[in-house]
Amino acid sequence: AGGCFWGVQGVFQHTAGVVNAVSG
């Protein structure tokens, strides 16, 4: 958790090796 989940999710969706990143 690091503030608004929109940006945190976006960062990890652009990270190699991540197969899913879900806001919640």
PDB file of all heavy atoms in Angstrom:
ATOM      1  N   ALA A   1       0.852  -1.183   0.000  1.00  0.00           N
ATOM      2  CA  ALA A   1       0.000   0.000   0.000  1.00  0.00           C
ATOM      3  C   ALA A   1       0.887   1.230   0.000  1.00  0.00           C
ATOM      4  O   ALA A   1       1.794   1.344   0.830  1.00  0.00           O
ATOM      5  CB  ALA A   1      -0.913   0.005   1.224  1.00  0.00           C
ATOM      6  N   GLY A   2       0.621   2.152  -0.915  1.00  0.00           N
ATOM      7  CA  GLY A   2       1.457   3.343  -1.017  1.00  0.00           C
ATOM      8  C   GLY A   2       0.698   4.526  -1.583  1.00  0.00           C
ATOM      9  O   GLY A   2       1.097   5.093  -2.589  1.00  0.00           O
ATOM     10  N   GLY A   3      -0.408   4.872  -0.932  1.00  0.00           N
ATOM     11  CA  GLY A   3      -1.232   5.961  -1.439  1.00  0.00           C
ATOM     12  C   GLY A   3      -2.281   5.455  -2.402  1.00  0.00           C
ATOM     13  O   GLY A   3      -2.681   4.290  -2.354  1.00  0.00           O
ATOM     14  N   CYS A   4      -2.757   6.317  -3.279  1.00  0.00           N
ATOM     15  CA  CYS A   4      -3.787   5.934  -4.249  1.00  0.00           C
ATOM     16  C   CYS A   4      -3.340   4.703  -5.030  1.00  0.00           C
ATOM     17  O   CYS A   4      -2.246   4.665  -5.586  1.00  0.00           O
ATOM     18  CB  CYS A   4      -4.044   7.094  -5.200  1.00  0.00           C
ATOM     19  SG  CYS A   4      -5.165   6.680  -6.549  1.00  0.00           S
ATOM     20  N   PHE A   5      -4.205   3.693  -5.076  1.00  0.00           N
ATOM     21  CA  PHE A   5      -3.789   2.439  -5.711  1.00  0.00           C
ATOM     22  C   PHE A   5      -3.666   2.527  -7.226  1.00  0.00           C
ATOM     23  O   PHE A   5      -3.065   1.667  -7.849  1.00  0.00           O
ATOM     24  CB  PHE A   5      -4.681   1.263  -5.315  1.00  0.00           C
ATOM     25  CG  PHE A   5      -6.174   1.509  -5.284  1.00  0.00           C
ATOM     26  CD1 PHE A   5      -6.808   2.408  -6.129  1.00  0.00           C
ATOM     27  CD2 PHE A   5      -6.963   0.794  -4.390  1.00  0.00           C
ATOM     28  CE1 PHE A   5      -8.177   2.598  -6.103  1.00  0.00           C
ATOM     29  CE2 PHE A   5      -8.346   0.974  -4.342  1.00  0.00           C
ATOM     30  CZ  PHE A   5      -8.952   1.886  -5.203  1.00  0.00           C
ATOM     31  N   TRP A   6      -4.197   3.571  -7.845  1.00  0.00           N
ATOM     32  CA  TRP A   6      -4.075   3.696  -9.296  1.00  0.00           C
ATOM     33  C   TRP A   6      -2.609   3.689  -9.738  1.00  0.00           C
ATOM     34  O   TRP A   6      -2.231   2.971 -10.661  1.00  0.00           O
ATOM     35  CB  TRP A   6      -4.722   4.995  -9.775  1.00  0.00           C
ATOM     36  CG  TRP A   6      -6.201   5.092  -9.568  1.00  0.00           C
ATOM     37  CD1 TRP A   6      -7.082   4.069  -9.337  1.00  0.00           C
ATOM     38  CD2 TRP A   6      -6.975   6.295  -9.572  1.00  0.00           C
ATOM     39  NE1 TRP A   6      -8.360   4.574  -9.190  1.00  0.00           N
ATOM     40  CE2 TRP A   6      -8.322   5.922  -9.333  1.00  0.00           C
ATOM     41  CE3 TRP A   6      -6.662   7.642  -9.750  1.00  0.00           C
ATOM     42  CZ2 TRP A   6      -9.348   6.866  -9.276  1.00  0.00           C
ATOM     43  CZ3 TRP A   6      -7.683   8.578  -9.698  1.00  0.00           C
ATOM     44  CH2 TRP A   6      -9.010   8.202  -9.461  1.00  0.00           C
ATOM     45  N   GLY A   7      -1.790   4.511  -9.085  1.00  0.00           N
ATOM     46  CA  GLY A   7      -0.394   4.617  -9.484  1.00  0.00           C
ATOM     47  C   GLY A   7       0.436   3.418  -9.088  1.00  0.00           C
ATOM     48  O   GLY A   7       1.293   2.965  -9.851  1.00  0.00           O
ATOM     49  N   VAL A   8       0.192   2.882  -7.894  1.00  0.00           N
ATOM     50  CA  VAL A   8       0.948   1.705  -7.443  1.00  0.00           C
ATOM     51  C   VAL A   8       0.658   0.521  -8.355  1.00  0.00           C
ATOM     52  O   VAL A   8       1.572  -0.207  -8.782  1.00  0.00           O
ATOM     53  CB  VAL A   8       0.606   1.367  -5.977  1.00  0.00           C
ATOM     54  CG1 VAL A   8       1.365   0.115  -5.532  1.00  0.00           C
ATOM     55  CG2 VAL A   8       0.954   2.545  -5.063  1.00  0.00           C
ATOM     56  N   GLN A   9      -0.622   0.327  -8.686  1.00  0.00           N
ATOM     57  CA  GLN A   9      -0.975  -0.746  -9.609  1.00  0.00           C
ATOM     58  C   GLN A   9      -0.281  -0.535 -10.954  1.00  0.00           C
ATOM     59  O   GLN A   9       0.291  -1.472 -11.531  1.00  0.00           O
ATOM     60  CB  GLN A   9      -2.489  -0.797  -9.824  1.00  0.00           C
ATOM     61  CG  GLN A   9      -2.925  -1.915 -10.771  1.00  0.00           C
ATOM     62  CD  GLN A   9      -4.384  -1.810 -11.204  1.00  0.00           C
ATOM     63  OE1 GLN A   9      -4.860  -0.737 -11.558  1.00  0.00           O
ATOM     64  NE2 GLN A   9      -5.088  -2.923 -11.147  1.00  0.00           N
ATOM     65  N   GLY A  10      -0.313   0.703 -11.451  1.00  0.00           N
ATOM     66  CA  GLY A  10       0.297   0.991 -12.739  1.00  0.00           C
ATOM     67  C   GLY A  10       1.777   0.672 -12.774  1.00  0.00           C
ATOM     68  O   GLY A  10       2.286   0.106 -13.753  1.00  0.00           O
ATOM     69  N   VAL A  11       2.495   1.027 -11.707  1.00  0.00           N
ATOM     70  CA  VAL A  11       3.933   0.740 -11.650  1.00  0.00           C
ATOM     71  C   VAL A  11       4.193  -0.752 -11.775  1.00  0.00           C
ATOM     72  O   VAL A  11       5.041  -1.191 -12.575  1.00  0.00           O
ATOM     73  CB  VAL A  11       4.541   1.285 -10.334  1.00  0.00           C
ATOM     74  CG1 VAL A  11       5.934   0.692 -10.103  1.00  0.00           C
ATOM     75  CG2 VAL A  11       4.619   2.804 -10.363  1.00  0.00           C
ATOM     76  N   PHE A  12       3.466  -1.560 -11.013  1.00  0.00           N
ATOM     77  CA  PHE A  12       3.751  -2.993 -11.034  1.00  0.00           C
ATOM     78  C   PHE A  12       3.175  -3.687 -12.259  1.00  0.00           C
ATOM     79  O   PHE A  12       3.652  -4.762 -12.640  1.00  0.00           O
ATOM     80  CB  PHE A  12       3.286  -3.629  -9.729  1.00  0.00           C
ATOM     81  CG  PHE A  12       4.163  -3.241  -8.575  1.00  0.00           C
ATOM     82  CD1 PHE A  12       3.736  -2.328  -7.621  1.00  0.00           C
ATOM     83  CD2 PHE A  12       5.452  -3.735  -8.475  1.00  0.00           C
ATOM     84  CE1 PHE A  12       4.570  -1.929  -6.587  1.00  0.00           C
ATOM     85  CE2 PHE A  12       6.299  -3.346  -7.445  1.00  0.00           C
ATOM     86  CZ  PHE A  12       5.854  -2.442  -6.497  1.00  0.00           C
ATOM     87  N   GLN A  13       2.214  -3.078 -12.919  1.00  0.00           N
ATOM     88  CA  GLN A  13       1.753  -3.629 -14.198  1.00  0.00           C
ATOM     89  C   GLN A  13       2.795  -3.429 -15.293  1.00  0.00           C
ATOM     90  O   GLN A  13       2.766  -4.118 -16.307  1.00  0.00           O
ATOM     91  CB  GLN A  13       0.427  -2.982 -14.600  1.00  0.00           C
ATOM     92  CG  GLN A  13      -0.742  -3.447 -13.745  1.00  0.00           C
ATOM     93  CD  GLN A  13      -2.062  -2.847 -14.177  1.00  0.00           C
ATOM     94  OE1 GLN A  13      -2.134  -1.688 -14.591  1.00  0.00           O
ATOM     95  NE2 GLN A  13      -3.130  -3.624 -14.085  1.00  0.00           N
ATOM     96  N   HIS A  14       3.720  -2.502 -15.060  1.00  0.00           N
ATOM     97  CA  HIS A  14       4.814  -2.276 -16.007  1.00  0.00           C
ATOM     98  C   HIS A  14       6.106  -2.955 -15.545  1.00  0.00           C
ATOM     99  O   HIS A  14       7.180  -2.665 -16.080  1.00  0.00           O
ATOM    100  CB  HIS A  14       5.061  -0.778 -16.182  1.00  0.00           C
ATOM    101  CG  HIS A  14       4.106  -0.102 -17.119  1.00  0.00           C
ATOM    102  ND1 HIS A  14       4.274  -0.106 -18.489  1.00  0.00           N
ATOM    103  CD2 HIS A  14       2.958   0.582 -16.875  1.00  0.00           C
ATOM    104  CE1 HIS A  14       3.287   0.568 -19.056  1.00  0.00           C
ATOM    105  NE2 HIS A  14       2.466   1.000 -18.103  1.00  0.00           N
ATOM    106  N   THR A  15       6.007  -3.836 -14.565  1.00  0.00           N
ATOM    107  CA  THR A  15       7.193  -4.513 -14.032  1.00  0.00           C
ATOM    108  C   THR A  15       7.284  -5.943 -14.560  1.00  0.00           C
ATOM    109  O   THR A  15       6.339  -6.723 -14.430  1.00  0.00           O
ATOM    110  CB  THR A  15       7.157  -4.536 -12.489  1.00  0.00           C
ATOM    111  OG1 THR A  15       7.119  -3.185 -11.995  1.00  0.00           O
ATOM    112  CG2 THR A  15       8.365  -5.244 -11.925  1.00  0.00           C
ATOM    113  N   ALA A  16       8.394  -6.294 -15.155  1.00  0.00           N
ATOM    114  CA  ALA A  16       8.591  -7.634 -15.705  1.00  0.00           C
ATOM    115  C   ALA A  16       8.521  -8.672 -14.589  1.00  0.00           C
ATOM    116  O   ALA A  16       9.050  -8.467 -13.494  1.00  0.00           O
ATOM    117  CB  ALA A  16       9.941  -7.711 -16.408  1.00  0.00           C
ATOM    118  N   GLY A  17       7.868  -9.783 -14.881  1.00  0.00           N
ATOM    119  CA  GLY A  17       7.730 -10.853 -13.904  1.00  0.00           C
ATOM    120  C   GLY A  17       6.430 -10.801 -13.140  1.00  0.00           C
ATOM    121  O   GLY A  17       6.046 -11.787 -12.504  1.00  0.00           O
ATOM    122  N   VAL A  18       5.734  -9.666 -13.179  1.00  0.00           N
ATOM    123  CA  VAL A  18       4.419  -9.544 -12.532  1.00  0.00           C
ATOM    124  C   VAL A  18       3.357 -10.054 -13.499  1.00  0.00           C
ATOM    125  O   VAL A  18       3.254  -9.574 -14.629  1.00  0.00           O
ATOM    126  CB  VAL A  18       4.132  -8.083 -12.139  1.00  0.00           C
ATOM    127  CG1 VAL A  18       2.689  -7.930 -11.650  1.00  0.00           C
ATOM    128  CG2 VAL A  18       5.108  -7.623 -11.063  1.00  0.00           C
ATOM    129  N   VAL A  19       2.588 -11.027 -13.056  1.00  0.00           N
ATOM    130  CA  VAL A  19       1.573 -11.610 -13.932  1.00  0.00           C
ATOM    131  C   VAL A  19       0.185 -11.035 -13.670  1.00  0.00           C
ATOM    132  O   VAL A  19      -0.722 -11.207 -14.479  1.00  0.00           O
ATOM    133  CB  VAL A  19       1.533 -13.149 -13.805  1.00  0.00           C
ATOM    134  CG1 VAL A  19       2.869 -13.749 -14.186  1.00  0.00           C
ATOM    135  CG2 VAL A  19       1.150 -13.581 -12.399  1.00  0.00           C
ATOM    136  N   ASN A  20       0.024 -10.337 -12.535  1.00  0.00           N
ATOM    137  CA  ASN A  20      -1.229  -9.639 -12.260  1.00  0.00           C
ATOM    138  C   ASN A  20      -1.009  -8.692 -11.091  1.00  0.00           C
ATOM    139  O   ASN A  20      -0.297  -9.022 -10.145  1.00  0.00           O
ATOM    140  CB  ASN A  20      -2.352 -10.619 -11.932  1.00  0.00           C
ATOM    141  CG  ASN A  20      -3.742 -10.009 -12.120  1.00  0.00           C
ATOM    142  OD1 ASN A  20      -3.887  -8.948 -12.744  1.00  0.00           O
ATOM    143  ND2 ASN A  20      -4.759 -10.672 -11.615  1.00  0.00           N
ATOM    144  N   ALA A  21      -1.600  -7.517 -11.158  1.00  0.00           N
ATOM    145  CA  ALA A  21      -1.556  -6.545 -10.063  1.00  0.00           C
ATOM    146  C   ALA A  21      -2.963  -5.975  -9.929  1.00  0.00           C
ATOM    147  O   ALA A  21      -3.467  -5.337 -10.848  1.00  0.00           O
ATOM    148  CB  ALA A  21      -0.546  -5.440 -10.349  1.00  0.00           C
ATOM    149  N   VAL A  22      -3.581  -6.218  -8.784  1.00  0.00           N
ATOM    150  CA  VAL A  22      -4.983  -5.869  -8.584  1.00  0.00           C
ATOM    151  C   VAL A  22      -5.116  -4.803  -7.501  1.00  0.00           C
ATOM    152  O   VAL A  22      -4.561  -4.936  -6.409  1.00  0.00           O
ATOM    153  CB  VAL A  22      -5.800  -7.119  -8.164  1.00  0.00           C
ATOM    154  CG1 VAL A  22      -7.261  -6.757  -7.887  1.00  0.00           C
ATOM    155  CG2 VAL A  22      -5.719  -8.187  -9.249  1.00  0.00           C
ATOM    156  N   SER A  23      -5.842  -3.737  -7.800  1.00  0.00           N
ATOM    157  CA  SER A  23      -6.122  -2.707  -6.803  1.00  0.00           C
ATOM    158  C   SER A  23      -7.187  -3.213  -5.833  1.00  0.00           C
ATOM    159  O   SER A  23      -8.129  -3.903  -6.240  1.00  0.00           O
ATOM    160  CB  SER A  23      -6.628  -1.428  -7.485  1.00  0.00           C
ATOM    161  OG  SER A  23      -5.600  -0.783  -8.193  1.00  0.00           O
ATOM    162  N   GLY A  24      -7.038  -2.852  -4.557  1.00  0.00           N
ATOM    163  CA  GLY A  24      -8.014  -3.316  -3.579  1.00  0.00           C
ATOM    164  C   GLY A  24      -7.787  -2.717  -2.209  1.00  0.00           C
ATOM    165  O   GLY A  24      -7.177  -1.642  -2.071  1.00  0.00           O
TER     166      GLY A  24
END
